[in-house]
Amino acid sequence: MKKSVLILAVLSLSVSCSKVQKVEKNMDSMKAKTEQMSSTTDEMKTTTTVMYQQIRSKETEDTRNKKFIILNSEDEQIGSKIAAAAVYFKSFEFQLWSAQKDFDNKHARDVLILDAVNEFTKRICDVYGKINLKKMSPTNDGKKHNAEQAFYALAATMHMNHHYQEELIDSNAEVQAISFYDIVKSALKKDSDGEAMTDYEEVLVSGMNKEIMIELIKARVDMISALGLKNLTDKRNMTLSQKIKAALFKISGGKLGSIELPETFSKSNEPTKKQTIKYLEAATTAKEFLHYIGVDKELEKTLKSAYSKISLGDANQEQAETKEDSDLKKAQIRSLIDGLIN
């Protein structure tokens, strides 16, 4: 009996040891598989990251190429060129920088900005070589002024940012939005103040690039002022006398005649007035920046003549706006115009 019990105990112990060994073997196998899966996951993450960066680069470049075709097209008018230029600036890859520490860190952002600066300076040189600065005007139209219109469109939209930057700022307090216009101004300011610059800032102020960046901001003053003027007037209602004066002004190069446009302020609604103020403020800010870096900017003569004739008659009180609000906006517009033409 004792011998039977002993045999059973030995058998039971053998079975238990066998089960333990089997469990341990299974656990070792699971651990190996887990480690293998972890390695595979890391490889997939790396591959996905690389693919994302490659796709991002390709898609943004394709968009910029398509928009620059529109900018250079003689068949597109200034409105289409401005719309294309806005998307062009929003499509620089640095606009989609994600602030991911593993692959989109600050150094990566600087590299993307350098890429953008190198591309833009090469492309804008081609446009710049086709324009006549002395005869440029935002009021010129037609195919022979195609390069001028492209230059004005780019100048007016340099500040545009992709909405992703705004979303990134909302989710990350340490991140600061930056537009191409911010980059250009920073380079010119540091150059003027004698401060150390980043690699991409040095590119913007090297050789002829500095001249072009300054001329872009000058063009920005004029183009955005022209957009403000468009909100305040309507050339479709010009009288015969006004047309004759305008023709004399253009033929004589501003020595005879004048630009007098029918005003629309008295009939403008509140959103139009607000937008006009934004345009004039943007133009004024650009002019003030030029003054800061030692560059004087006088409003283009056609615009200056037109603005000098603006009287801003009393607003129509049928609009959903109080007289007090209307008078305040009128005073703001008047002050901004005076700053631009003086």
Protein backbone atom coordinates (compact mmCIF):
# COMPACT_ATOMS: atom_id res chain seq x y z
CA MET A 1 0.00 0.00 0.00
CA LYS A 2 2.75 2.39 0.95
CA LYS A 3 4.59 1.45 -2.22
CA SER A 4 1.50 2.27 -4.32
CA VAL A 5 1.07 5.63 -2.63
CA LEU A 6 4.73 6.40 -3.24
CA ILE A 7 4.45 5.49 -6.90
CA LEU A 8 1.35 7.68 -7.26
CA ALA A 9 3.10 10.58 -5.57
CA VAL A 10 6.10 10.25 -7.89
CA LEU A 11 3.82 10.08 -10.93
CA SER A 12 1.85 13.11 -9.70
CA LEU A 13 5.04 15.06 -9.13
CA SER A 14 6.31 14.15 -12.61
CA VAL A 15 3.07 15.29 -14.20
CA SER A 16 3.17 18.56 -12.21
CA CYS A 17 6.77 19.21 -13.22
CA SER A 18 5.87 18.48 -16.80
CA LYS A 19 3.00 20.98 -16.65
CA VAL A 20 5.21 23.61 -15.04
CA GLN A 21 7.85 23.10 -17.71
CA LYS A 22 5.18 23.35 -20.38
CA VAL A 23 3.81 26.56 -18.88
CA GLU A 24 7.31 28.01 -18.60
CA LYS A 25 7.99 27.03 -22.19
CA ASN A 26 4.73 28.69 -23.29
CA MET A 27 5.58 31.82 -21.32
CA ASP A 28 9.02 31.97 -22.94
CA SER A 29 7.38 31.57 -26.32
CA MET A 30 4.85 34.32 -25.55
CA LYS A 31 7.63 36.60 -24.38
CA ALA A 32 9.58 36.00 -27.58
CA LYS A 33 6.47 36.68 -29.66
CA THR A 34 5.74 39.84 -27.65
CA GLU A 35 9.27 41.08 -28.19
CA GLN A 36 8.99 40.23 -31.88
CA MET A 37 5.66 42.08 -32.11
CA SER A 38 7.16 45.07 -30.32
CA SER A 39 10.05 45.11 -32.76
CA THR A 40 7.65 44.80 -35.66
CA THR A 41 5.54 47.65 -34.26
CA ASP A 42 8.62 49.86 -33.95
CA GLU A 43 9.60 49.02 -37.53
CA MET A 44 6.07 49.79 -38.72
CA LYS A 45 6.10 53.09 -36.80
CA THR A 46 9.42 54.05 -38.40
CA THR A 47 8.17 53.04 -41.85
CA THR A 48 4.93 54.98 -41.33
CA THR A 49 6.85 58.05 -40.21
CA VAL A 50 9.11 57.92 -43.26
CA MET A 51 6.12 57.40 -45.56
CA TYR A 52 4.26 60.32 -43.94
CA GLN A 53 7.19 62.66 -44.47
CA GLN A 54 7.63 61.51 -48.07
CA ILE A 55 3.93 61.92 -48.84
CA ARG A 56 3.80 65.31 -47.12
CA SER A 57 6.76 66.54 -49.14
CA LYS A 58 5.37 65.27 -52.42
CA GLU A 59 1.82 66.56 -51.92
CA THR A 60 2.86 70.04 -50.79
CA GLU A 61 5.36 70.35 -53.64
CA ASP A 62 2.73 69.29 -56.19
CA THR A 63 0.34 71.91 -54.84
CA ARG A 64 2.96 74.67 -55.02
CA ASN A 65 3.90 73.74 -58.56
CA LYS A 66 0.27 73.87 -59.70
CA LYS A 67 -0.32 77.25 -58.04
CA PHE A 68 2.82 78.75 -59.51
CA ILE A 69 1.64 77.74 -62.96
CA ILE A 70 -1.45 79.87 -62.32
CA LEU A 71 0.72 82.75 -61.10
CA ASN A 72 2.76 82.64 -64.31
CA SER A 73 -0.20 82.15 -66.62
CA GLU A 74 -1.08 85.05 -68.93
CA ASP A 75 -4.66 83.74 -69.09
CA GLU A 76 -5.28 84.28 -65.36
CA GLN A 77 -6.27 87.65 -63.92
CA ILE A 78 -5.18 89.22 -60.65
CA GLY A 79 -7.98 87.69 -58.57
CA SER A 80 -7.02 84.15 -59.57
CA LYS A 81 -3.35 84.95 -59.02
CA ILE A 82 -3.99 86.23 -55.49
CA ALA A 83 -5.99 83.09 -54.66
CA ALA A 84 -3.21 80.89 -56.09
CA ALA A 85 -0.50 82.79 -54.21
CA ALA A 86 -2.35 82.35 -50.90
CA VAL A 87 -2.47 78.57 -51.37
CA TYR A 88 1.16 78.58 -52.52
CA PHE A 89 2.34 80.06 -49.22
CA LYS A 90 0.05 77.78 -47.21
CA SER A 91 1.57 74.78 -48.99
CA PHE A 92 5.15 75.16 -47.84
CA GLU A 93 6.00 72.02 -45.89
CA PHE A 94 6.96 73.97 -42.77
CA GLN A 95 3.30 75.02 -42.57
CA LEU A 96 2.44 71.37 -41.81
CA TRP A 97 5.21 70.86 -39.27
CA SER A 98 3.68 68.76 -36.48
CA ALA A 99 6.02 69.44 -33.51
CA GLN A 100 6.49 65.68 -32.93
CA LYS A 101 9.64 65.28 -30.86
CA ASP A 102 10.78 62.09 -32.58
CA PHE A 103 10.87 63.37 -36.17
CA ASP A 104 9.40 66.90 -36.36
CA ASN A 105 11.53 68.72 -33.80
CA LYS A 106 12.71 72.35 -33.97
CA HIS A 107 15.72 71.44 -36.10
CA ALA A 108 13.43 69.74 -38.60
CA ARG A 109 11.29 72.89 -38.76
CA ASP A 110 14.36 75.03 -39.47
CA VAL A 111 15.34 72.64 -42.27
CA LEU A 112 11.85 72.87 -43.79
CA ILE A 113 11.95 76.68 -43.61
CA LEU A 114 15.36 76.68 -45.30
CA ASP A 115 13.89 74.52 -48.08
CA ALA A 116 11.02 76.99 -48.47
CA VAL A 117 13.33 80.00 -48.59
CA ASN A 118 15.62 78.39 -51.16
CA GLU A 119 12.67 77.49 -53.38
CA PHE A 120 10.97 80.88 -53.10
CA THR A 121 14.08 82.98 -53.75
CA LYS A 122 14.80 81.02 -56.92
CA ARG A 123 11.25 81.34 -58.22
CA ILE A 124 10.78 84.99 -57.31
CA CYS A 125 14.04 85.88 -59.10
CA ASP A 126 12.49 84.69 -62.36
CA VAL A 127 9.41 86.88 -61.80
CA TYR A 128 11.47 89.86 -60.62
CA GLY A 129 13.56 89.80 -63.77
CA LYS A 130 10.47 90.46 -65.90
CA ILE A 131 9.08 93.52 -64.10
CA ASN A 132 9.74 97.24 -64.41
CA LEU A 133 9.70 98.72 -60.92
CA LYS A 134 9.36 102.31 -62.20
CA LYS A 135 6.21 101.56 -64.19
CA MET A 136 4.55 99.05 -61.88
CA SER A 137 1.03 99.71 -60.61
CA PRO A 138 -1.66 97.49 -59.07
CA THR A 139 -4.09 99.16 -61.47
CA ASN A 140 -2.32 97.79 -64.56
CA ASP A 141 -3.94 94.82 -66.23
CA GLY A 142 -3.52 92.79 -69.40
CA LYS A 143 -1.07 90.09 -70.47
CA LYS A 144 1.89 92.46 -70.75
CA HIS A 145 1.63 93.08 -66.99
CA ASN A 146 1.46 89.38 -66.13
CA ALA A 147 4.74 89.29 -64.17
CA GLU A 148 3.78 92.43 -62.24
CA GLN A 149 0.48 90.87 -61.22
CA ALA A 150 2.23 87.70 -60.06
CA PHE A 151 4.64 89.81 -58.00
CA TYR A 152 1.79 91.80 -56.44
CA ALA A 153 -0.18 88.62 -55.70
CA LEU A 154 2.78 87.07 -53.87
CA ALA A 155 3.47 90.30 -52.00
CA ALA A 156 -0.12 90.56 -50.78
CA THR A 157 -0.37 86.98 -49.51
CA MET A 158 3.00 86.32 -47.82
CA HIS A 159 1.31 86.45 -44.43
CA MET A 160 -1.03 83.54 -45.13
CA ASN A 161 -0.79 80.52 -42.82
CA HIS A 162 -2.25 77.04 -43.17
CA HIS A 163 -5.07 76.48 -40.68
CA TYR A 164 -3.09 73.50 -39.31
CA GLN A 165 -0.70 75.95 -37.65
CA GLU A 166 -3.58 77.53 -35.74
CA GLU A 167 -4.79 74.09 -34.62
CA LEU A 168 -1.26 73.18 -33.56
CA ILE A 169 -0.98 76.32 -31.44
CA ASP A 170 -4.29 75.55 -29.74
CA SER A 171 -3.00 72.11 -28.72
CA ASN A 172 0.59 73.09 -27.90
CA ALA A 173 1.28 76.29 -25.98
CA GLU A 174 5.02 76.07 -26.69
CA VAL A 175 4.53 76.32 -30.46
CA GLN A 176 4.44 79.67 -32.23
CA ALA A 177 2.89 80.15 -35.67
CA ILE A 178 5.17 81.57 -38.33
CA SER A 179 4.32 82.80 -41.81
CA PHE A 180 6.68 83.38 -44.73
CA TYR A 181 6.15 87.11 -44.19
CA ASP A 182 7.29 86.73 -40.56
CA ILE A 183 10.44 84.99 -41.80
CA VAL A 184 11.19 87.74 -44.34
CA LYS A 185 10.65 90.53 -41.80
CA SER A 186 12.80 88.78 -39.21
CA ALA A 187 15.66 88.47 -41.69
CA LEU A 188 15.47 92.12 -42.79
CA LYS A 189 15.16 93.35 -39.19
CA LYS A 190 18.16 91.34 -37.99
CA ASP A 191 20.16 92.49 -40.99
CA SER A 192 19.26 96.11 -40.21
CA ASP A 193 20.05 95.70 -36.49
CA GLY A 194 23.26 93.75 -37.08
CA GLU A 195 22.02 90.67 -35.23
CA ALA A 196 23.02 87.04 -35.78
CA MET A 197 20.80 85.20 -38.23
CA THR A 198 19.71 81.65 -38.97
CA ASP A 199 20.80 79.96 -42.19
CA TYR A 200 17.46 80.64 -43.86
CA GLU A 201 17.47 84.28 -42.80
CA GLU A 202 20.92 84.74 -44.30
CA VAL A 203 19.64 83.39 -47.63
CA LEU A 204 16.89 86.03 -47.71
CA VAL A 205 19.29 88.95 -47.30
CA SER A 206 22.12 87.63 -49.47
CA GLY A 207 22.90 89.41 -52.73
CA MET A 208 19.89 90.45 -54.80
CA ASN A 209 17.54 88.52 -52.52
CA LYS A 210 17.55 91.39 -50.04
CA GLU A 211 16.53 93.86 -52.74
CA ILE A 212 13.72 91.58 -53.88
CA MET A 213 12.40 91.08 -50.32
CA ILE A 214 12.27 94.84 -49.80
CA GLU A 215 10.52 95.37 -53.14
CA LEU A 216 8.00 92.68 -52.20
CA ILE A 217 7.07 94.59 -49.06
CA LYS A 218 6.83 97.83 -51.05
CA ALA A 219 4.52 96.04 -53.49
CA ARG A 220 2.56 94.74 -50.52
CA VAL A 221 1.88 98.30 -49.37
CA ASP A 222 0.51 99.20 -52.81
CA MET A 223 -1.45 96.02 -53.49
CA ILE A 224 -3.23 95.91 -50.15
CA SER A 225 -3.91 99.65 -50.43
CA ALA A 226 -5.47 98.92 -53.83
CA LEU A 227 -7.76 96.32 -52.25
CA GLY A 228 -8.83 98.89 -49.69
CA LEU A 229 -9.47 101.45 -52.44
CA LYS A 230 -11.63 98.92 -54.28
CA ASN A 231 -13.86 98.72 -51.20
CA LEU A 232 -14.23 102.50 -51.09
CA THR A 233 -14.93 103.18 -54.78
CA ASP A 234 -16.58 101.81 -57.89
CA LYS A 235 -14.91 102.71 -61.19
CA ARG A 236 -17.89 101.37 -63.15
CA ASN A 237 -19.76 104.57 -62.26
CA MET A 238 -17.08 106.99 -63.47
CA THR A 239 -18.36 110.09 -65.26
CA LEU A 240 -16.99 111.23 -68.62
CA SER A 241 -15.10 114.02 -66.88
CA GLN A 242 -13.49 111.55 -64.45
CA LYS A 243 -12.50 109.24 -67.32
CA ILE A 244 -10.85 112.11 -69.22
CA LYS A 245 -8.91 113.20 -66.12
CA ALA A 246 -7.81 109.60 -65.51
CA ALA A 247 -6.68 109.20 -69.14
CA LEU A 248 -4.64 112.43 -68.94
CA PHE A 249 -3.09 111.23 -65.69
CA LYS A 250 -1.93 107.95 -67.22
CA ILE A 251 -0.74 109.43 -70.50
CA SER A 252 1.26 112.18 -68.76
CA GLY A 253 2.64 109.89 -66.09
CA GLY A 254 0.79 111.75 -63.38
CA LYS A 255 1.78 115.27 -64.48
CA LEU A 256 -1.71 116.13 -65.76
CA GLY A 257 -5.21 115.10 -64.75
CA SER A 258 -6.06 113.05 -61.68
CA ILE A 259 -7.68 109.82 -60.52
CA GLU A 260 -11.14 110.55 -59.16
CA LEU A 261 -13.28 107.49 -58.50
CA PRO A 262 -16.97 107.40 -57.48
CA GLU A 263 -17.12 106.70 -53.76
CA THR A 264 -19.19 103.98 -52.11
CA PHE A 265 -18.54 104.59 -48.40
CA SER A 266 -21.98 106.12 -47.85
CA LYS A 267 -23.60 102.91 -49.11
CA SER A 268 -21.15 100.43 -47.58
CA ASN A 269 -22.27 98.00 -44.92
CA GLU A 270 -20.40 97.35 -41.69
CA PRO A 271 -18.47 94.23 -42.90
CA THR A 272 -17.13 96.21 -45.88
CA LYS A 273 -15.91 98.98 -43.60
CA LYS A 274 -14.26 96.46 -41.26
CA GLN A 275 -12.52 94.76 -44.14
CA THR A 276 -11.36 98.12 -45.50
CA ILE A 277 -9.83 98.99 -42.14
CA LYS A 278 -8.00 95.63 -42.08
CA TYR A 279 -6.58 96.28 -45.54
CA LEU A 280 -5.43 99.79 -44.67
CA GLU A 281 -3.95 98.64 -41.35
CA ALA A 282 -1.98 95.88 -43.11
CA ALA A 283 -0.67 98.35 -45.69
CA THR A 284 0.26 100.83 -42.95
CA THR A 285 2.05 98.15 -40.91
CA ALA A 286 4.11 97.16 -43.95
CA LYS A 287 5.00 100.80 -44.63
CA GLU A 288 6.03 101.31 -40.99
CA PHE A 289 8.23 98.21 -41.09
CA LEU A 290 10.03 99.54 -44.16
CA HIS A 291 10.60 102.82 -42.34
CA TYR A 292 12.06 100.87 -39.39
CA ILE A 293 14.70 99.25 -41.60
CA GLY A 294 15.52 102.59 -43.24
CA VAL A 295 13.48 102.30 -46.42
CA ASP A 296 11.10 105.09 -47.41
CA LYS A 297 7.96 104.05 -49.23
CA GLU A 298 5.66 106.44 -51.07
CA LEU A 299 2.30 105.13 -52.20
CA GLU A 300 2.15 104.35 -55.94
CA LYS A 301 1.13 107.57 -57.74
CA THR A 302 -2.17 106.29 -59.17
CA LEU A 303 -3.30 105.08 -55.76
CA LYS A 304 -2.05 108.25 -54.09
CA SER A 305 -4.04 110.42 -56.49
CA ALA A 306 -7.18 108.35 -56.00
CA TYR A 307 -6.89 108.30 -52.22
CA SER A 308 -6.23 112.05 -52.08
CA LYS A 309 -9.65 112.63 -53.66
CA ILE A 310 -11.54 110.40 -51.21
CA SER A 311 -13.92 112.45 -49.03
CA LEU A 312 -15.81 109.64 -47.23
CA GLY A 313 -19.31 111.08 -47.32
CA ASP A 314 -21.80 110.40 -44.56
CA ALA A 315 -22.90 106.79 -44.31
CA ASN A 316 -26.43 105.72 -45.17
CA GLN A 317 -28.11 105.09 -41.83
CA GLU A 318 -30.35 102.46 -43.33
CA GLN A 319 -27.46 100.11 -42.76
CA ALA A 320 -27.54 98.00 -39.57
CA GLU A 321 -25.01 100.24 -37.85
CA THR A 322 -25.30 103.18 -35.47
CA LYS A 323 -24.09 106.62 -36.52
CA GLU A 324 -21.55 106.52 -33.70
CA ASP A 325 -20.04 103.26 -34.98
CA SER A 326 -20.06 104.53 -38.57
CA ASP A 327 -18.34 107.78 -37.58
CA LEU A 328 -15.71 105.84 -35.64
CA LYS A 329 -14.91 103.64 -38.63
CA LYS A 330 -14.89 106.69 -40.88
CA ALA A 331 -12.35 108.37 -38.61
CA GLN A 332 -10.19 105.23 -38.59
CA ILE A 333 -10.25 104.98 -42.37
CA ARG A 334 -9.51 108.69 -42.76
CA SER A 335 -6.53 108.46 -40.40
CA LEU A 336 -5.13 105.38 -42.14
CA ILE A 337 -5.48 106.97 -45.57
CA ASP A 338 -3.70 110.11 -44.39
CA GLY A 339 -0.85 107.97 -43.06
CA LEU A 340 -0.47 106.16 -46.36
CA ILE A 341 -0.49 109.20 -48.66
CA ASN A 342 1.68 111.45 -46.49
